[in-house]
Amino acid sequence: MVDTADLDTVLARRSVGSGTVADDAPVIKPSVVHVPSSLLSLVAAERQRSGRSNGQILIDAIEAGHEHLTQLHNQSSSIGGRLFTARTAKPQLPVAEPLSPLNVRLYEQDYEVLDRLVTELGAGSRSRLATLALAHYLDSTT
């Protein structure tokens, strides 16, 4: 009888490109970020054009736009400071519209980097960081 509890572990640890299983292989985990609906078609077009996954596009968008994201954070105004604890205002989203889920699959350690960037850049959430990065990236690639 096959132990199905280990099946998920085996599938999650499958080495990228080699088809073999290794204990030290990166673990790929699915997640969802919510982005403006208009970005979904742009992500789909980039996926079609480049052959990359949503997660790969997101990582490239964040890496390519890191300087832009840092500038957005540095230009953010501060709220409070006298009566209330000072805090940085979150960067303004480029598009104000309903959000739609965008499925991504990233290495487990990539989520740690995302969460660190959310904090460092004052984005507030992975979804907001993804929206800011993708909007800037897809605008510059189209």
N, C-alpha and C. Protein backbone atom coordinates (compact mmCIF):
# COMPACT_ATOMS: atom_id res chain seq x y z
N MET A 1 0.84 -1.18 0.00
CA MET A 1 0.00 0.00 0.00
C MET A 1 0.89 1.25 0.00
N VAL A 2 0.50 2.24 -0.80
CA VAL A 2 1.27 3.47 -0.93
C VAL A 2 0.85 4.45 0.15
N ASP A 3 1.83 5.04 0.80
CA ASP A 3 1.56 6.06 1.82
C ASP A 3 1.30 7.38 1.11
N THR A 4 0.02 7.80 1.06
CA THR A 4 -0.34 9.02 0.33
C THR A 4 0.14 10.28 1.03
N ALA A 5 0.43 10.21 2.31
CA ALA A 5 0.93 11.38 3.03
C ALA A 5 2.29 11.80 2.47
N ASP A 6 3.08 10.81 2.05
CA ASP A 6 4.39 11.12 1.49
C ASP A 6 4.31 11.51 0.02
N LEU A 7 3.21 11.21 -0.65
CA LEU A 7 3.07 11.53 -2.07
C LEU A 7 3.16 13.03 -2.32
N ASP A 8 2.47 13.82 -1.50
CA ASP A 8 2.53 15.28 -1.66
C ASP A 8 3.95 15.79 -1.46
N THR A 9 4.64 15.22 -0.49
CA THR A 9 6.02 15.62 -0.23
C THR A 9 6.90 15.29 -1.44
N VAL A 10 6.72 14.11 -1.99
CA VAL A 10 7.51 13.70 -3.15
C VAL A 10 7.23 14.61 -4.33
N LEU A 11 5.96 14.89 -4.59
CA LEU A 11 5.60 15.76 -5.71
C LEU A 11 6.11 17.18 -5.50
N ALA A 12 6.04 17.67 -4.28
CA ALA A 12 6.50 19.03 -3.99
C ALA A 12 8.01 19.16 -4.10
N ARG A 13 8.72 18.08 -3.88
CA ARG A 13 10.19 18.13 -3.89
C ARG A 13 10.80 17.69 -5.22
N ARG A 14 9.97 17.48 -6.24
CA ARG A 14 10.49 17.07 -7.53
C ARG A 14 11.44 18.14 -8.05
N SER A 15 12.62 17.75 -8.46
CA SER A 15 13.61 18.70 -8.96
C SER A 15 13.13 19.32 -10.25
N VAL A 16 13.35 20.61 -10.38
CA VAL A 16 12.96 21.32 -11.58
C VAL A 16 13.83 20.87 -12.74
N GLY A 17 13.22 20.42 -13.82
CA GLY A 17 13.94 20.07 -15.03
C GLY A 17 14.54 18.68 -15.05
N SER A 18 14.77 18.05 -13.92
CA SER A 18 15.44 16.75 -13.95
C SER A 18 14.48 15.59 -13.79
N GLY A 19 13.29 15.83 -13.24
CA GLY A 19 12.33 14.77 -13.05
C GLY A 19 12.70 13.81 -11.93
N THR A 20 13.74 14.11 -11.17
CA THR A 20 14.13 13.25 -10.06
C THR A 20 13.72 13.89 -8.75
N VAL A 21 13.71 13.07 -7.72
CA VAL A 21 13.33 13.55 -6.40
C VAL A 21 14.58 13.64 -5.55
N ALA A 22 14.72 14.77 -4.86
CA ALA A 22 15.87 14.96 -3.97
C ALA A 22 15.40 15.67 -2.72
N ASP A 23 15.97 15.28 -1.59
CA ASP A 23 15.58 15.91 -0.33
C ASP A 23 15.95 17.38 -0.28
N ASP A 24 17.01 17.78 -0.99
CA ASP A 24 17.44 19.17 -0.93
C ASP A 24 16.87 20.01 -2.08
N ALA A 25 15.99 19.44 -2.87
CA ALA A 25 15.37 20.19 -3.97
C ALA A 25 14.44 21.25 -3.39
N PRO A 26 14.34 22.39 -4.07
CA PRO A 26 13.44 23.44 -3.58
C PRO A 26 11.99 22.97 -3.59
N VAL A 27 11.26 23.39 -2.59
CA VAL A 27 9.85 23.05 -2.49
C VAL A 27 9.05 24.16 -3.16
N ILE A 28 8.20 23.77 -4.11
CA ILE A 28 7.36 24.74 -4.81
C ILE A 28 5.99 24.74 -4.15
N LYS A 29 5.50 25.94 -3.84
CA LYS A 29 4.21 26.08 -3.17
C LYS A 29 3.32 27.02 -3.96
N PRO A 30 2.03 26.68 -4.06
CA PRO A 30 1.09 27.57 -4.73
C PRO A 30 0.60 28.66 -3.78
N SER A 31 0.23 29.78 -4.35
CA SER A 31 -0.37 30.87 -3.59
C SER A 31 -1.20 31.71 -4.55
N VAL A 32 -1.91 32.66 -4.00
CA VAL A 32 -2.74 33.56 -4.80
C VAL A 32 -2.46 34.98 -4.34
N VAL A 33 -2.28 35.88 -5.30
CA VAL A 33 -2.25 37.31 -5.02
C VAL A 33 -3.43 37.90 -5.78
N HIS A 34 -3.98 38.97 -5.24
CA HIS A 34 -5.12 39.62 -5.88
C HIS A 34 -4.64 40.91 -6.53
N VAL A 35 -4.85 41.00 -7.84
CA VAL A 35 -4.39 42.15 -8.62
C VAL A 35 -5.58 42.73 -9.39
N PRO A 36 -5.47 43.98 -9.83
CA PRO A 36 -6.56 44.55 -10.63
C PRO A 36 -6.85 43.68 -11.85
N SER A 37 -8.12 43.54 -12.16
CA SER A 37 -8.55 42.67 -13.26
C SER A 37 -7.85 42.98 -14.57
N SER A 38 -7.58 44.26 -14.82
CA SER A 38 -6.94 44.65 -16.08
C SER A 38 -5.53 44.08 -16.22
N LEU A 39 -4.89 43.77 -15.11
CA LEU A 39 -3.53 43.20 -15.18
C LEU A 39 -3.54 41.74 -15.61
N LEU A 40 -4.65 41.03 -15.40
CA LEU A 40 -4.70 39.61 -15.73
C LEU A 40 -4.45 39.37 -17.22
N SER A 41 -5.07 40.18 -18.07
CA SER A 41 -4.87 39.99 -19.52
C SER A 41 -3.43 40.33 -19.92
N LEU A 42 -2.84 41.31 -19.24
CA LEU A 42 -1.44 41.66 -19.53
C LEU A 42 -0.49 40.55 -19.09
N VAL A 43 -0.78 39.95 -17.93
CA VAL A 43 0.03 38.82 -17.46
C VAL A 43 -0.12 37.64 -18.42
N ALA A 44 -1.36 37.38 -18.85
CA ALA A 44 -1.61 36.27 -19.79
C ALA A 44 -0.87 36.50 -21.11
N ALA A 45 -0.88 37.74 -21.60
CA ALA A 45 -0.16 38.05 -22.84
C ALA A 45 1.34 37.85 -22.67
N GLU A 46 1.87 38.28 -21.52
CA GLU A 46 3.30 38.10 -21.25
C GLU A 46 3.64 36.62 -21.11
N ARG A 47 2.75 35.87 -20.47
CA ARG A 47 2.95 34.42 -20.32
C ARG A 47 2.99 33.76 -21.71
N GLN A 48 2.06 34.15 -22.58
CA GLN A 48 2.00 33.62 -23.94
C GLN A 48 3.26 34.01 -24.73
N ARG A 49 3.66 35.27 -24.61
CA ARG A 49 4.81 35.77 -25.35
C ARG A 49 6.12 35.12 -24.91
N SER A 50 6.30 35.01 -23.59
CA SER A 50 7.59 34.58 -23.04
C SER A 50 7.66 33.09 -22.70
N GLY A 51 6.50 32.46 -22.53
CA GLY A 51 6.50 31.06 -22.12
C GLY A 51 6.78 30.86 -20.64
N ARG A 52 6.81 31.96 -19.89
CA ARG A 52 7.08 31.87 -18.45
C ARG A 52 5.78 31.71 -17.67
N SER A 53 5.90 31.23 -16.45
CA SER A 53 4.75 31.07 -15.56
C SER A 53 4.41 32.40 -14.89
N ASN A 54 3.23 32.45 -14.27
CA ASN A 54 2.84 33.65 -13.51
C ASN A 54 3.88 33.98 -12.45
N GLY A 55 4.35 32.95 -11.74
CA GLY A 55 5.34 33.16 -10.68
C GLY A 55 6.65 33.72 -11.23
N GLN A 56 7.09 33.20 -12.37
CA GLN A 56 8.33 33.69 -12.97
C GLN A 56 8.17 35.14 -13.43
N ILE A 57 7.00 35.47 -13.98
CA ILE A 57 6.74 36.84 -14.41
C ILE A 57 6.74 37.77 -13.19
N LEU A 58 6.11 37.33 -12.10
CA LEU A 58 6.07 38.15 -10.89
C LEU A 58 7.47 38.40 -10.34
N ILE A 59 8.28 37.35 -10.26
CA ILE A 59 9.65 37.51 -9.76
C ILE A 59 10.44 38.48 -10.65
N ASP A 60 10.31 38.32 -11.97
CA ASP A 60 11.02 39.22 -12.88
C ASP A 60 10.53 40.65 -12.72
N ALA A 61 9.22 40.82 -12.54
CA ALA A 61 8.65 42.16 -12.36
C ALA A 61 9.19 42.83 -11.10
N ILE A 62 9.29 42.07 -10.02
CA ILE A 62 9.79 42.64 -8.76
C ILE A 62 11.28 42.95 -8.88
N GLU A 63 12.04 42.02 -9.45
CA GLU A 63 13.48 42.26 -9.59
C GLU A 63 13.76 43.42 -10.55
N ALA A 64 13.06 43.47 -11.68
CA ALA A 64 13.28 44.54 -12.66
C ALA A 64 12.82 45.89 -12.12
N GLY A 65 11.79 45.88 -11.28
CA GLY A 65 11.24 47.13 -10.77
C GLY A 65 11.63 47.47 -9.35
N HIS A 66 12.62 46.76 -8.80
CA HIS A 66 12.98 46.98 -7.40
C HIS A 66 13.34 48.44 -7.12
N GLU A 67 14.10 49.05 -8.00
CA GLU A 67 14.49 50.45 -7.80
C GLU A 67 13.24 51.34 -7.83
N HIS A 68 12.33 51.08 -8.75
CA HIS A 68 11.08 51.85 -8.83
C HIS A 68 10.25 51.66 -7.55
N LEU A 69 10.17 50.43 -7.07
CA LEU A 69 9.41 50.14 -5.85
C LEU A 69 10.03 50.85 -4.65
N THR A 70 11.36 50.89 -4.61
CA THR A 70 12.05 51.59 -3.52
C THR A 70 11.76 53.08 -3.59
N GLN A 71 11.76 53.65 -4.79
CA GLN A 71 11.44 55.08 -4.95
C GLN A 71 10.01 55.37 -4.49
N LEU A 72 9.07 54.49 -4.84
CA LEU A 72 7.69 54.68 -4.39
C LEU A 72 7.63 54.73 -2.86
N HIS A 73 8.38 53.82 -2.23
CA HIS A 73 8.39 53.77 -0.77
C HIS A 73 9.01 55.04 -0.20
N ASN A 74 10.12 55.48 -0.77
CA ASN A 74 10.80 56.67 -0.27
C ASN A 74 9.99 57.94 -0.47
N GLN A 75 9.14 57.96 -1.49
CA GLN A 75 8.31 59.13 -1.76
C GLN A 75 7.01 59.12 -0.96
N SER A 76 6.73 58.02 -0.29
CA SER A 76 5.49 57.92 0.48
C SER A 76 5.51 58.92 1.63
N SER A 77 4.37 59.52 1.86
CA SER A 77 4.29 60.48 2.96
C SER A 77 4.08 59.75 4.27
N SER A 78 4.37 60.44 5.34
CA SER A 78 4.21 59.88 6.68
C SER A 78 2.88 60.36 7.26
N ILE A 79 2.24 59.49 7.99
CA ILE A 79 0.97 59.81 8.65
C ILE A 79 1.18 59.69 10.15
N GLY A 80 0.63 60.62 10.91
CA GLY A 80 0.76 60.57 12.36
C GLY A 80 2.10 61.12 12.81
N GLY A 81 2.45 60.80 14.03
CA GLY A 81 3.73 61.22 14.56
C GLY A 81 3.63 62.16 15.75
N ARG A 82 2.50 62.83 15.87
CA ARG A 82 2.32 63.70 17.04
C ARG A 82 1.43 63.01 18.06
N LEU A 83 0.19 62.79 17.71
CA LEU A 83 -0.74 62.14 18.64
C LEU A 83 -0.74 60.62 18.47
N PHE A 84 -0.48 60.18 17.26
CA PHE A 84 -0.51 58.75 16.96
C PHE A 84 0.88 58.30 16.54
N THR A 85 1.10 57.00 16.60
CA THR A 85 2.37 56.44 16.15
C THR A 85 2.56 56.76 14.67
N ALA A 86 3.73 57.25 14.31
CA ALA A 86 4.02 57.58 12.92
C ALA A 86 4.03 56.32 12.07
N ARG A 87 3.52 56.44 10.88
CA ARG A 87 3.52 55.33 9.94
C ARG A 87 3.63 55.89 8.54
N THR A 88 4.17 55.09 7.65
CA THR A 88 4.30 55.49 6.25
C THR A 88 3.03 55.10 5.51
N ALA A 89 2.53 56.01 4.71
CA ALA A 89 1.36 55.70 3.88
C ALA A 89 1.76 54.68 2.83
N LYS A 90 0.86 53.76 2.54
CA LYS A 90 1.14 52.76 1.52
C LYS A 90 1.19 53.44 0.15
N PRO A 91 2.07 52.96 -0.73
CA PRO A 91 2.12 53.55 -2.08
C PRO A 91 0.77 53.43 -2.78
N GLN A 92 0.42 54.46 -3.53
CA GLN A 92 -0.85 54.49 -4.27
C GLN A 92 -0.83 53.43 -5.37
N LEU A 93 -1.90 52.67 -5.47
CA LEU A 93 -2.01 51.69 -6.54
C LEU A 93 -2.23 52.42 -7.86
N PRO A 94 -1.66 51.90 -8.95
CA PRO A 94 -1.79 52.57 -10.24
C PRO A 94 -3.19 52.48 -10.83
N VAL A 95 -3.96 51.50 -10.40
CA VAL A 95 -5.28 51.28 -10.96
C VAL A 95 -6.25 51.02 -9.82
N ALA A 96 -7.37 51.74 -9.82
CA ALA A 96 -8.39 51.50 -8.80
C ALA A 96 -9.55 50.77 -9.48
N GLU A 97 -9.60 49.46 -9.31
CA GLU A 97 -10.66 48.65 -9.90
C GLU A 97 -10.77 47.35 -9.13
N PRO A 98 -11.80 46.55 -9.43
CA PRO A 98 -11.96 45.28 -8.72
C PRO A 98 -10.73 44.39 -8.88
N LEU A 99 -10.47 43.62 -7.84
CA LEU A 99 -9.32 42.72 -7.85
C LEU A 99 -9.73 41.32 -8.29
N SER A 100 -8.79 40.63 -8.91
CA SER A 100 -8.99 39.25 -9.35
C SER A 100 -7.82 38.42 -8.87
N PRO A 101 -8.06 37.13 -8.59
CA PRO A 101 -6.96 36.28 -8.13
C PRO A 101 -5.99 35.92 -9.25
N LEU A 102 -4.71 35.94 -8.92
CA LEU A 102 -3.65 35.51 -9.83
C LEU A 102 -2.91 34.38 -9.12
N ASN A 103 -2.99 33.19 -9.68
CA ASN A 103 -2.32 32.03 -9.08
C ASN A 103 -0.84 32.06 -9.43
N VAL A 104 -0.01 31.86 -8.42
CA VAL A 104 1.44 31.79 -8.62
C VAL A 104 1.97 30.56 -7.89
N ARG A 105 3.05 30.03 -8.42
CA ARG A 105 3.76 28.92 -7.78
C ARG A 105 5.21 29.36 -7.67
N LEU A 106 5.68 29.45 -6.43
CA LEU A 106 7.04 29.91 -6.18
C LEU A 106 7.74 28.94 -5.23
N TYR A 107 9.06 29.03 -5.21
CA TYR A 107 9.81 28.28 -4.21
C TYR A 107 9.43 28.79 -2.83
N GLU A 108 9.46 27.89 -1.88
CA GLU A 108 9.09 28.22 -0.51
C GLU A 108 9.87 29.44 0.01
N GLN A 109 11.16 29.49 -0.27
CA GLN A 109 11.98 30.60 0.23
C GLN A 109 11.65 31.91 -0.49
N ASP A 110 11.05 31.85 -1.68
CA ASP A 110 10.65 33.08 -2.38
C ASP A 110 9.57 33.83 -1.61
N TYR A 111 8.70 33.09 -0.92
CA TYR A 111 7.65 33.74 -0.13
C TYR A 111 8.25 34.51 1.05
N GLU A 112 9.35 34.00 1.59
CA GLU A 112 10.04 34.73 2.67
C GLU A 112 10.59 36.05 2.14
N VAL A 113 11.15 36.02 0.92
CA VAL A 113 11.66 37.24 0.31
C VAL A 113 10.52 38.21 0.04
N LEU A 114 9.40 37.70 -0.50
CA LEU A 114 8.23 38.55 -0.75
C LEU A 114 7.78 39.24 0.53
N ASP A 115 7.66 38.47 1.60
CA ASP A 115 7.19 39.04 2.87
C ASP A 115 8.17 40.09 3.41
N ARG A 116 9.46 39.84 3.24
CA ARG A 116 10.47 40.82 3.67
C ARG A 116 10.33 42.11 2.84
N LEU A 117 10.14 41.97 1.54
CA LEU A 117 9.98 43.14 0.67
C LEU A 117 8.70 43.91 1.00
N VAL A 118 7.63 43.20 1.31
CA VAL A 118 6.38 43.86 1.70
C VAL A 118 6.64 44.77 2.89
N THR A 119 7.38 44.26 3.87
CA THR A 119 7.70 45.05 5.07
C THR A 119 8.65 46.19 4.74
N GLU A 120 9.75 45.89 4.04
CA GLU A 120 10.76 46.90 3.72
C GLU A 120 10.20 48.04 2.87
N LEU A 121 9.31 47.70 1.94
CA LEU A 121 8.79 48.70 1.00
C LEU A 121 7.47 49.29 1.45
N GLY A 122 6.98 48.85 2.61
CA GLY A 122 5.73 49.38 3.13
C GLY A 122 4.54 49.10 2.23
N ALA A 123 4.58 48.00 1.50
CA ALA A 123 3.51 47.69 0.55
C ALA A 123 2.22 47.27 1.25
N GLY A 124 2.31 46.67 2.41
CA GLY A 124 1.12 46.28 3.15
C GLY A 124 0.69 44.84 2.92
N SER A 125 0.90 44.31 1.72
CA SER A 125 0.53 42.93 1.43
C SER A 125 1.27 42.44 0.18
N ARG A 126 1.30 41.13 0.02
CA ARG A 126 1.89 40.55 -1.19
C ARG A 126 1.12 41.01 -2.42
N SER A 127 -0.20 41.09 -2.30
CA SER A 127 -1.03 41.50 -3.43
C SER A 127 -0.71 42.92 -3.88
N ARG A 128 -0.54 43.81 -2.93
CA ARG A 128 -0.22 45.20 -3.27
C ARG A 128 1.17 45.27 -3.90
N LEU A 129 2.13 44.54 -3.36
CA LEU A 129 3.47 44.50 -3.94
C LEU A 129 3.40 43.95 -5.37
N ALA A 130 2.66 42.87 -5.56
CA ALA A 130 2.52 42.27 -6.89
C ALA A 130 1.88 43.26 -7.87
N THR A 131 0.86 43.97 -7.42
CA THR A 131 0.18 44.94 -8.28
C THR A 131 1.12 46.06 -8.70
N LEU A 132 1.84 46.62 -7.74
CA LEU A 132 2.77 47.71 -8.04
C LEU A 132 3.87 47.24 -9.01
N ALA A 133 4.42 46.07 -8.75
CA ALA A 133 5.51 45.55 -9.58
C ALA A 133 5.02 45.18 -10.98
N LEU A 134 3.91 44.46 -11.05
CA LEU A 134 3.40 44.02 -12.35
C LEU A 134 2.94 45.19 -13.20
N ALA A 135 2.27 46.17 -12.60
CA ALA A 135 1.80 47.33 -13.36
C ALA A 135 2.98 48.07 -13.98
N HIS A 136 4.04 48.26 -13.20
CA HIS A 136 5.23 48.96 -13.70
C HIS A 136 5.92 48.12 -14.78
N TYR A 137 6.09 46.84 -14.52
CA TYR A 137 6.80 45.93 -15.42
C TYR A 137 6.05 45.74 -16.74
N LEU A 138 4.77 45.47 -16.66
CA LEU A 138 4.00 45.19 -17.87
C LEU A 138 3.78 46.46 -18.69
N ASP A 139 3.78 47.60 -18.03
CA ASP A 139 3.68 48.87 -18.74
C ASP A 139 4.96 49.13 -19.54
N SER A 140 6.10 48.72 -18.98
CA SER A 140 7.37 48.98 -19.66
C SER A 140 7.68 47.92 -20.72
N THR A 141 7.01 46.75 -20.68
CA THR A 141 7.28 45.71 -21.67
C THR A 141 6.30 45.78 -22.84
N THR A 142 5.22 46.55 -22.69
CA THR A 142 4.24 46.63 -23.79
C THR A 142 4.49 47.82 -24.67
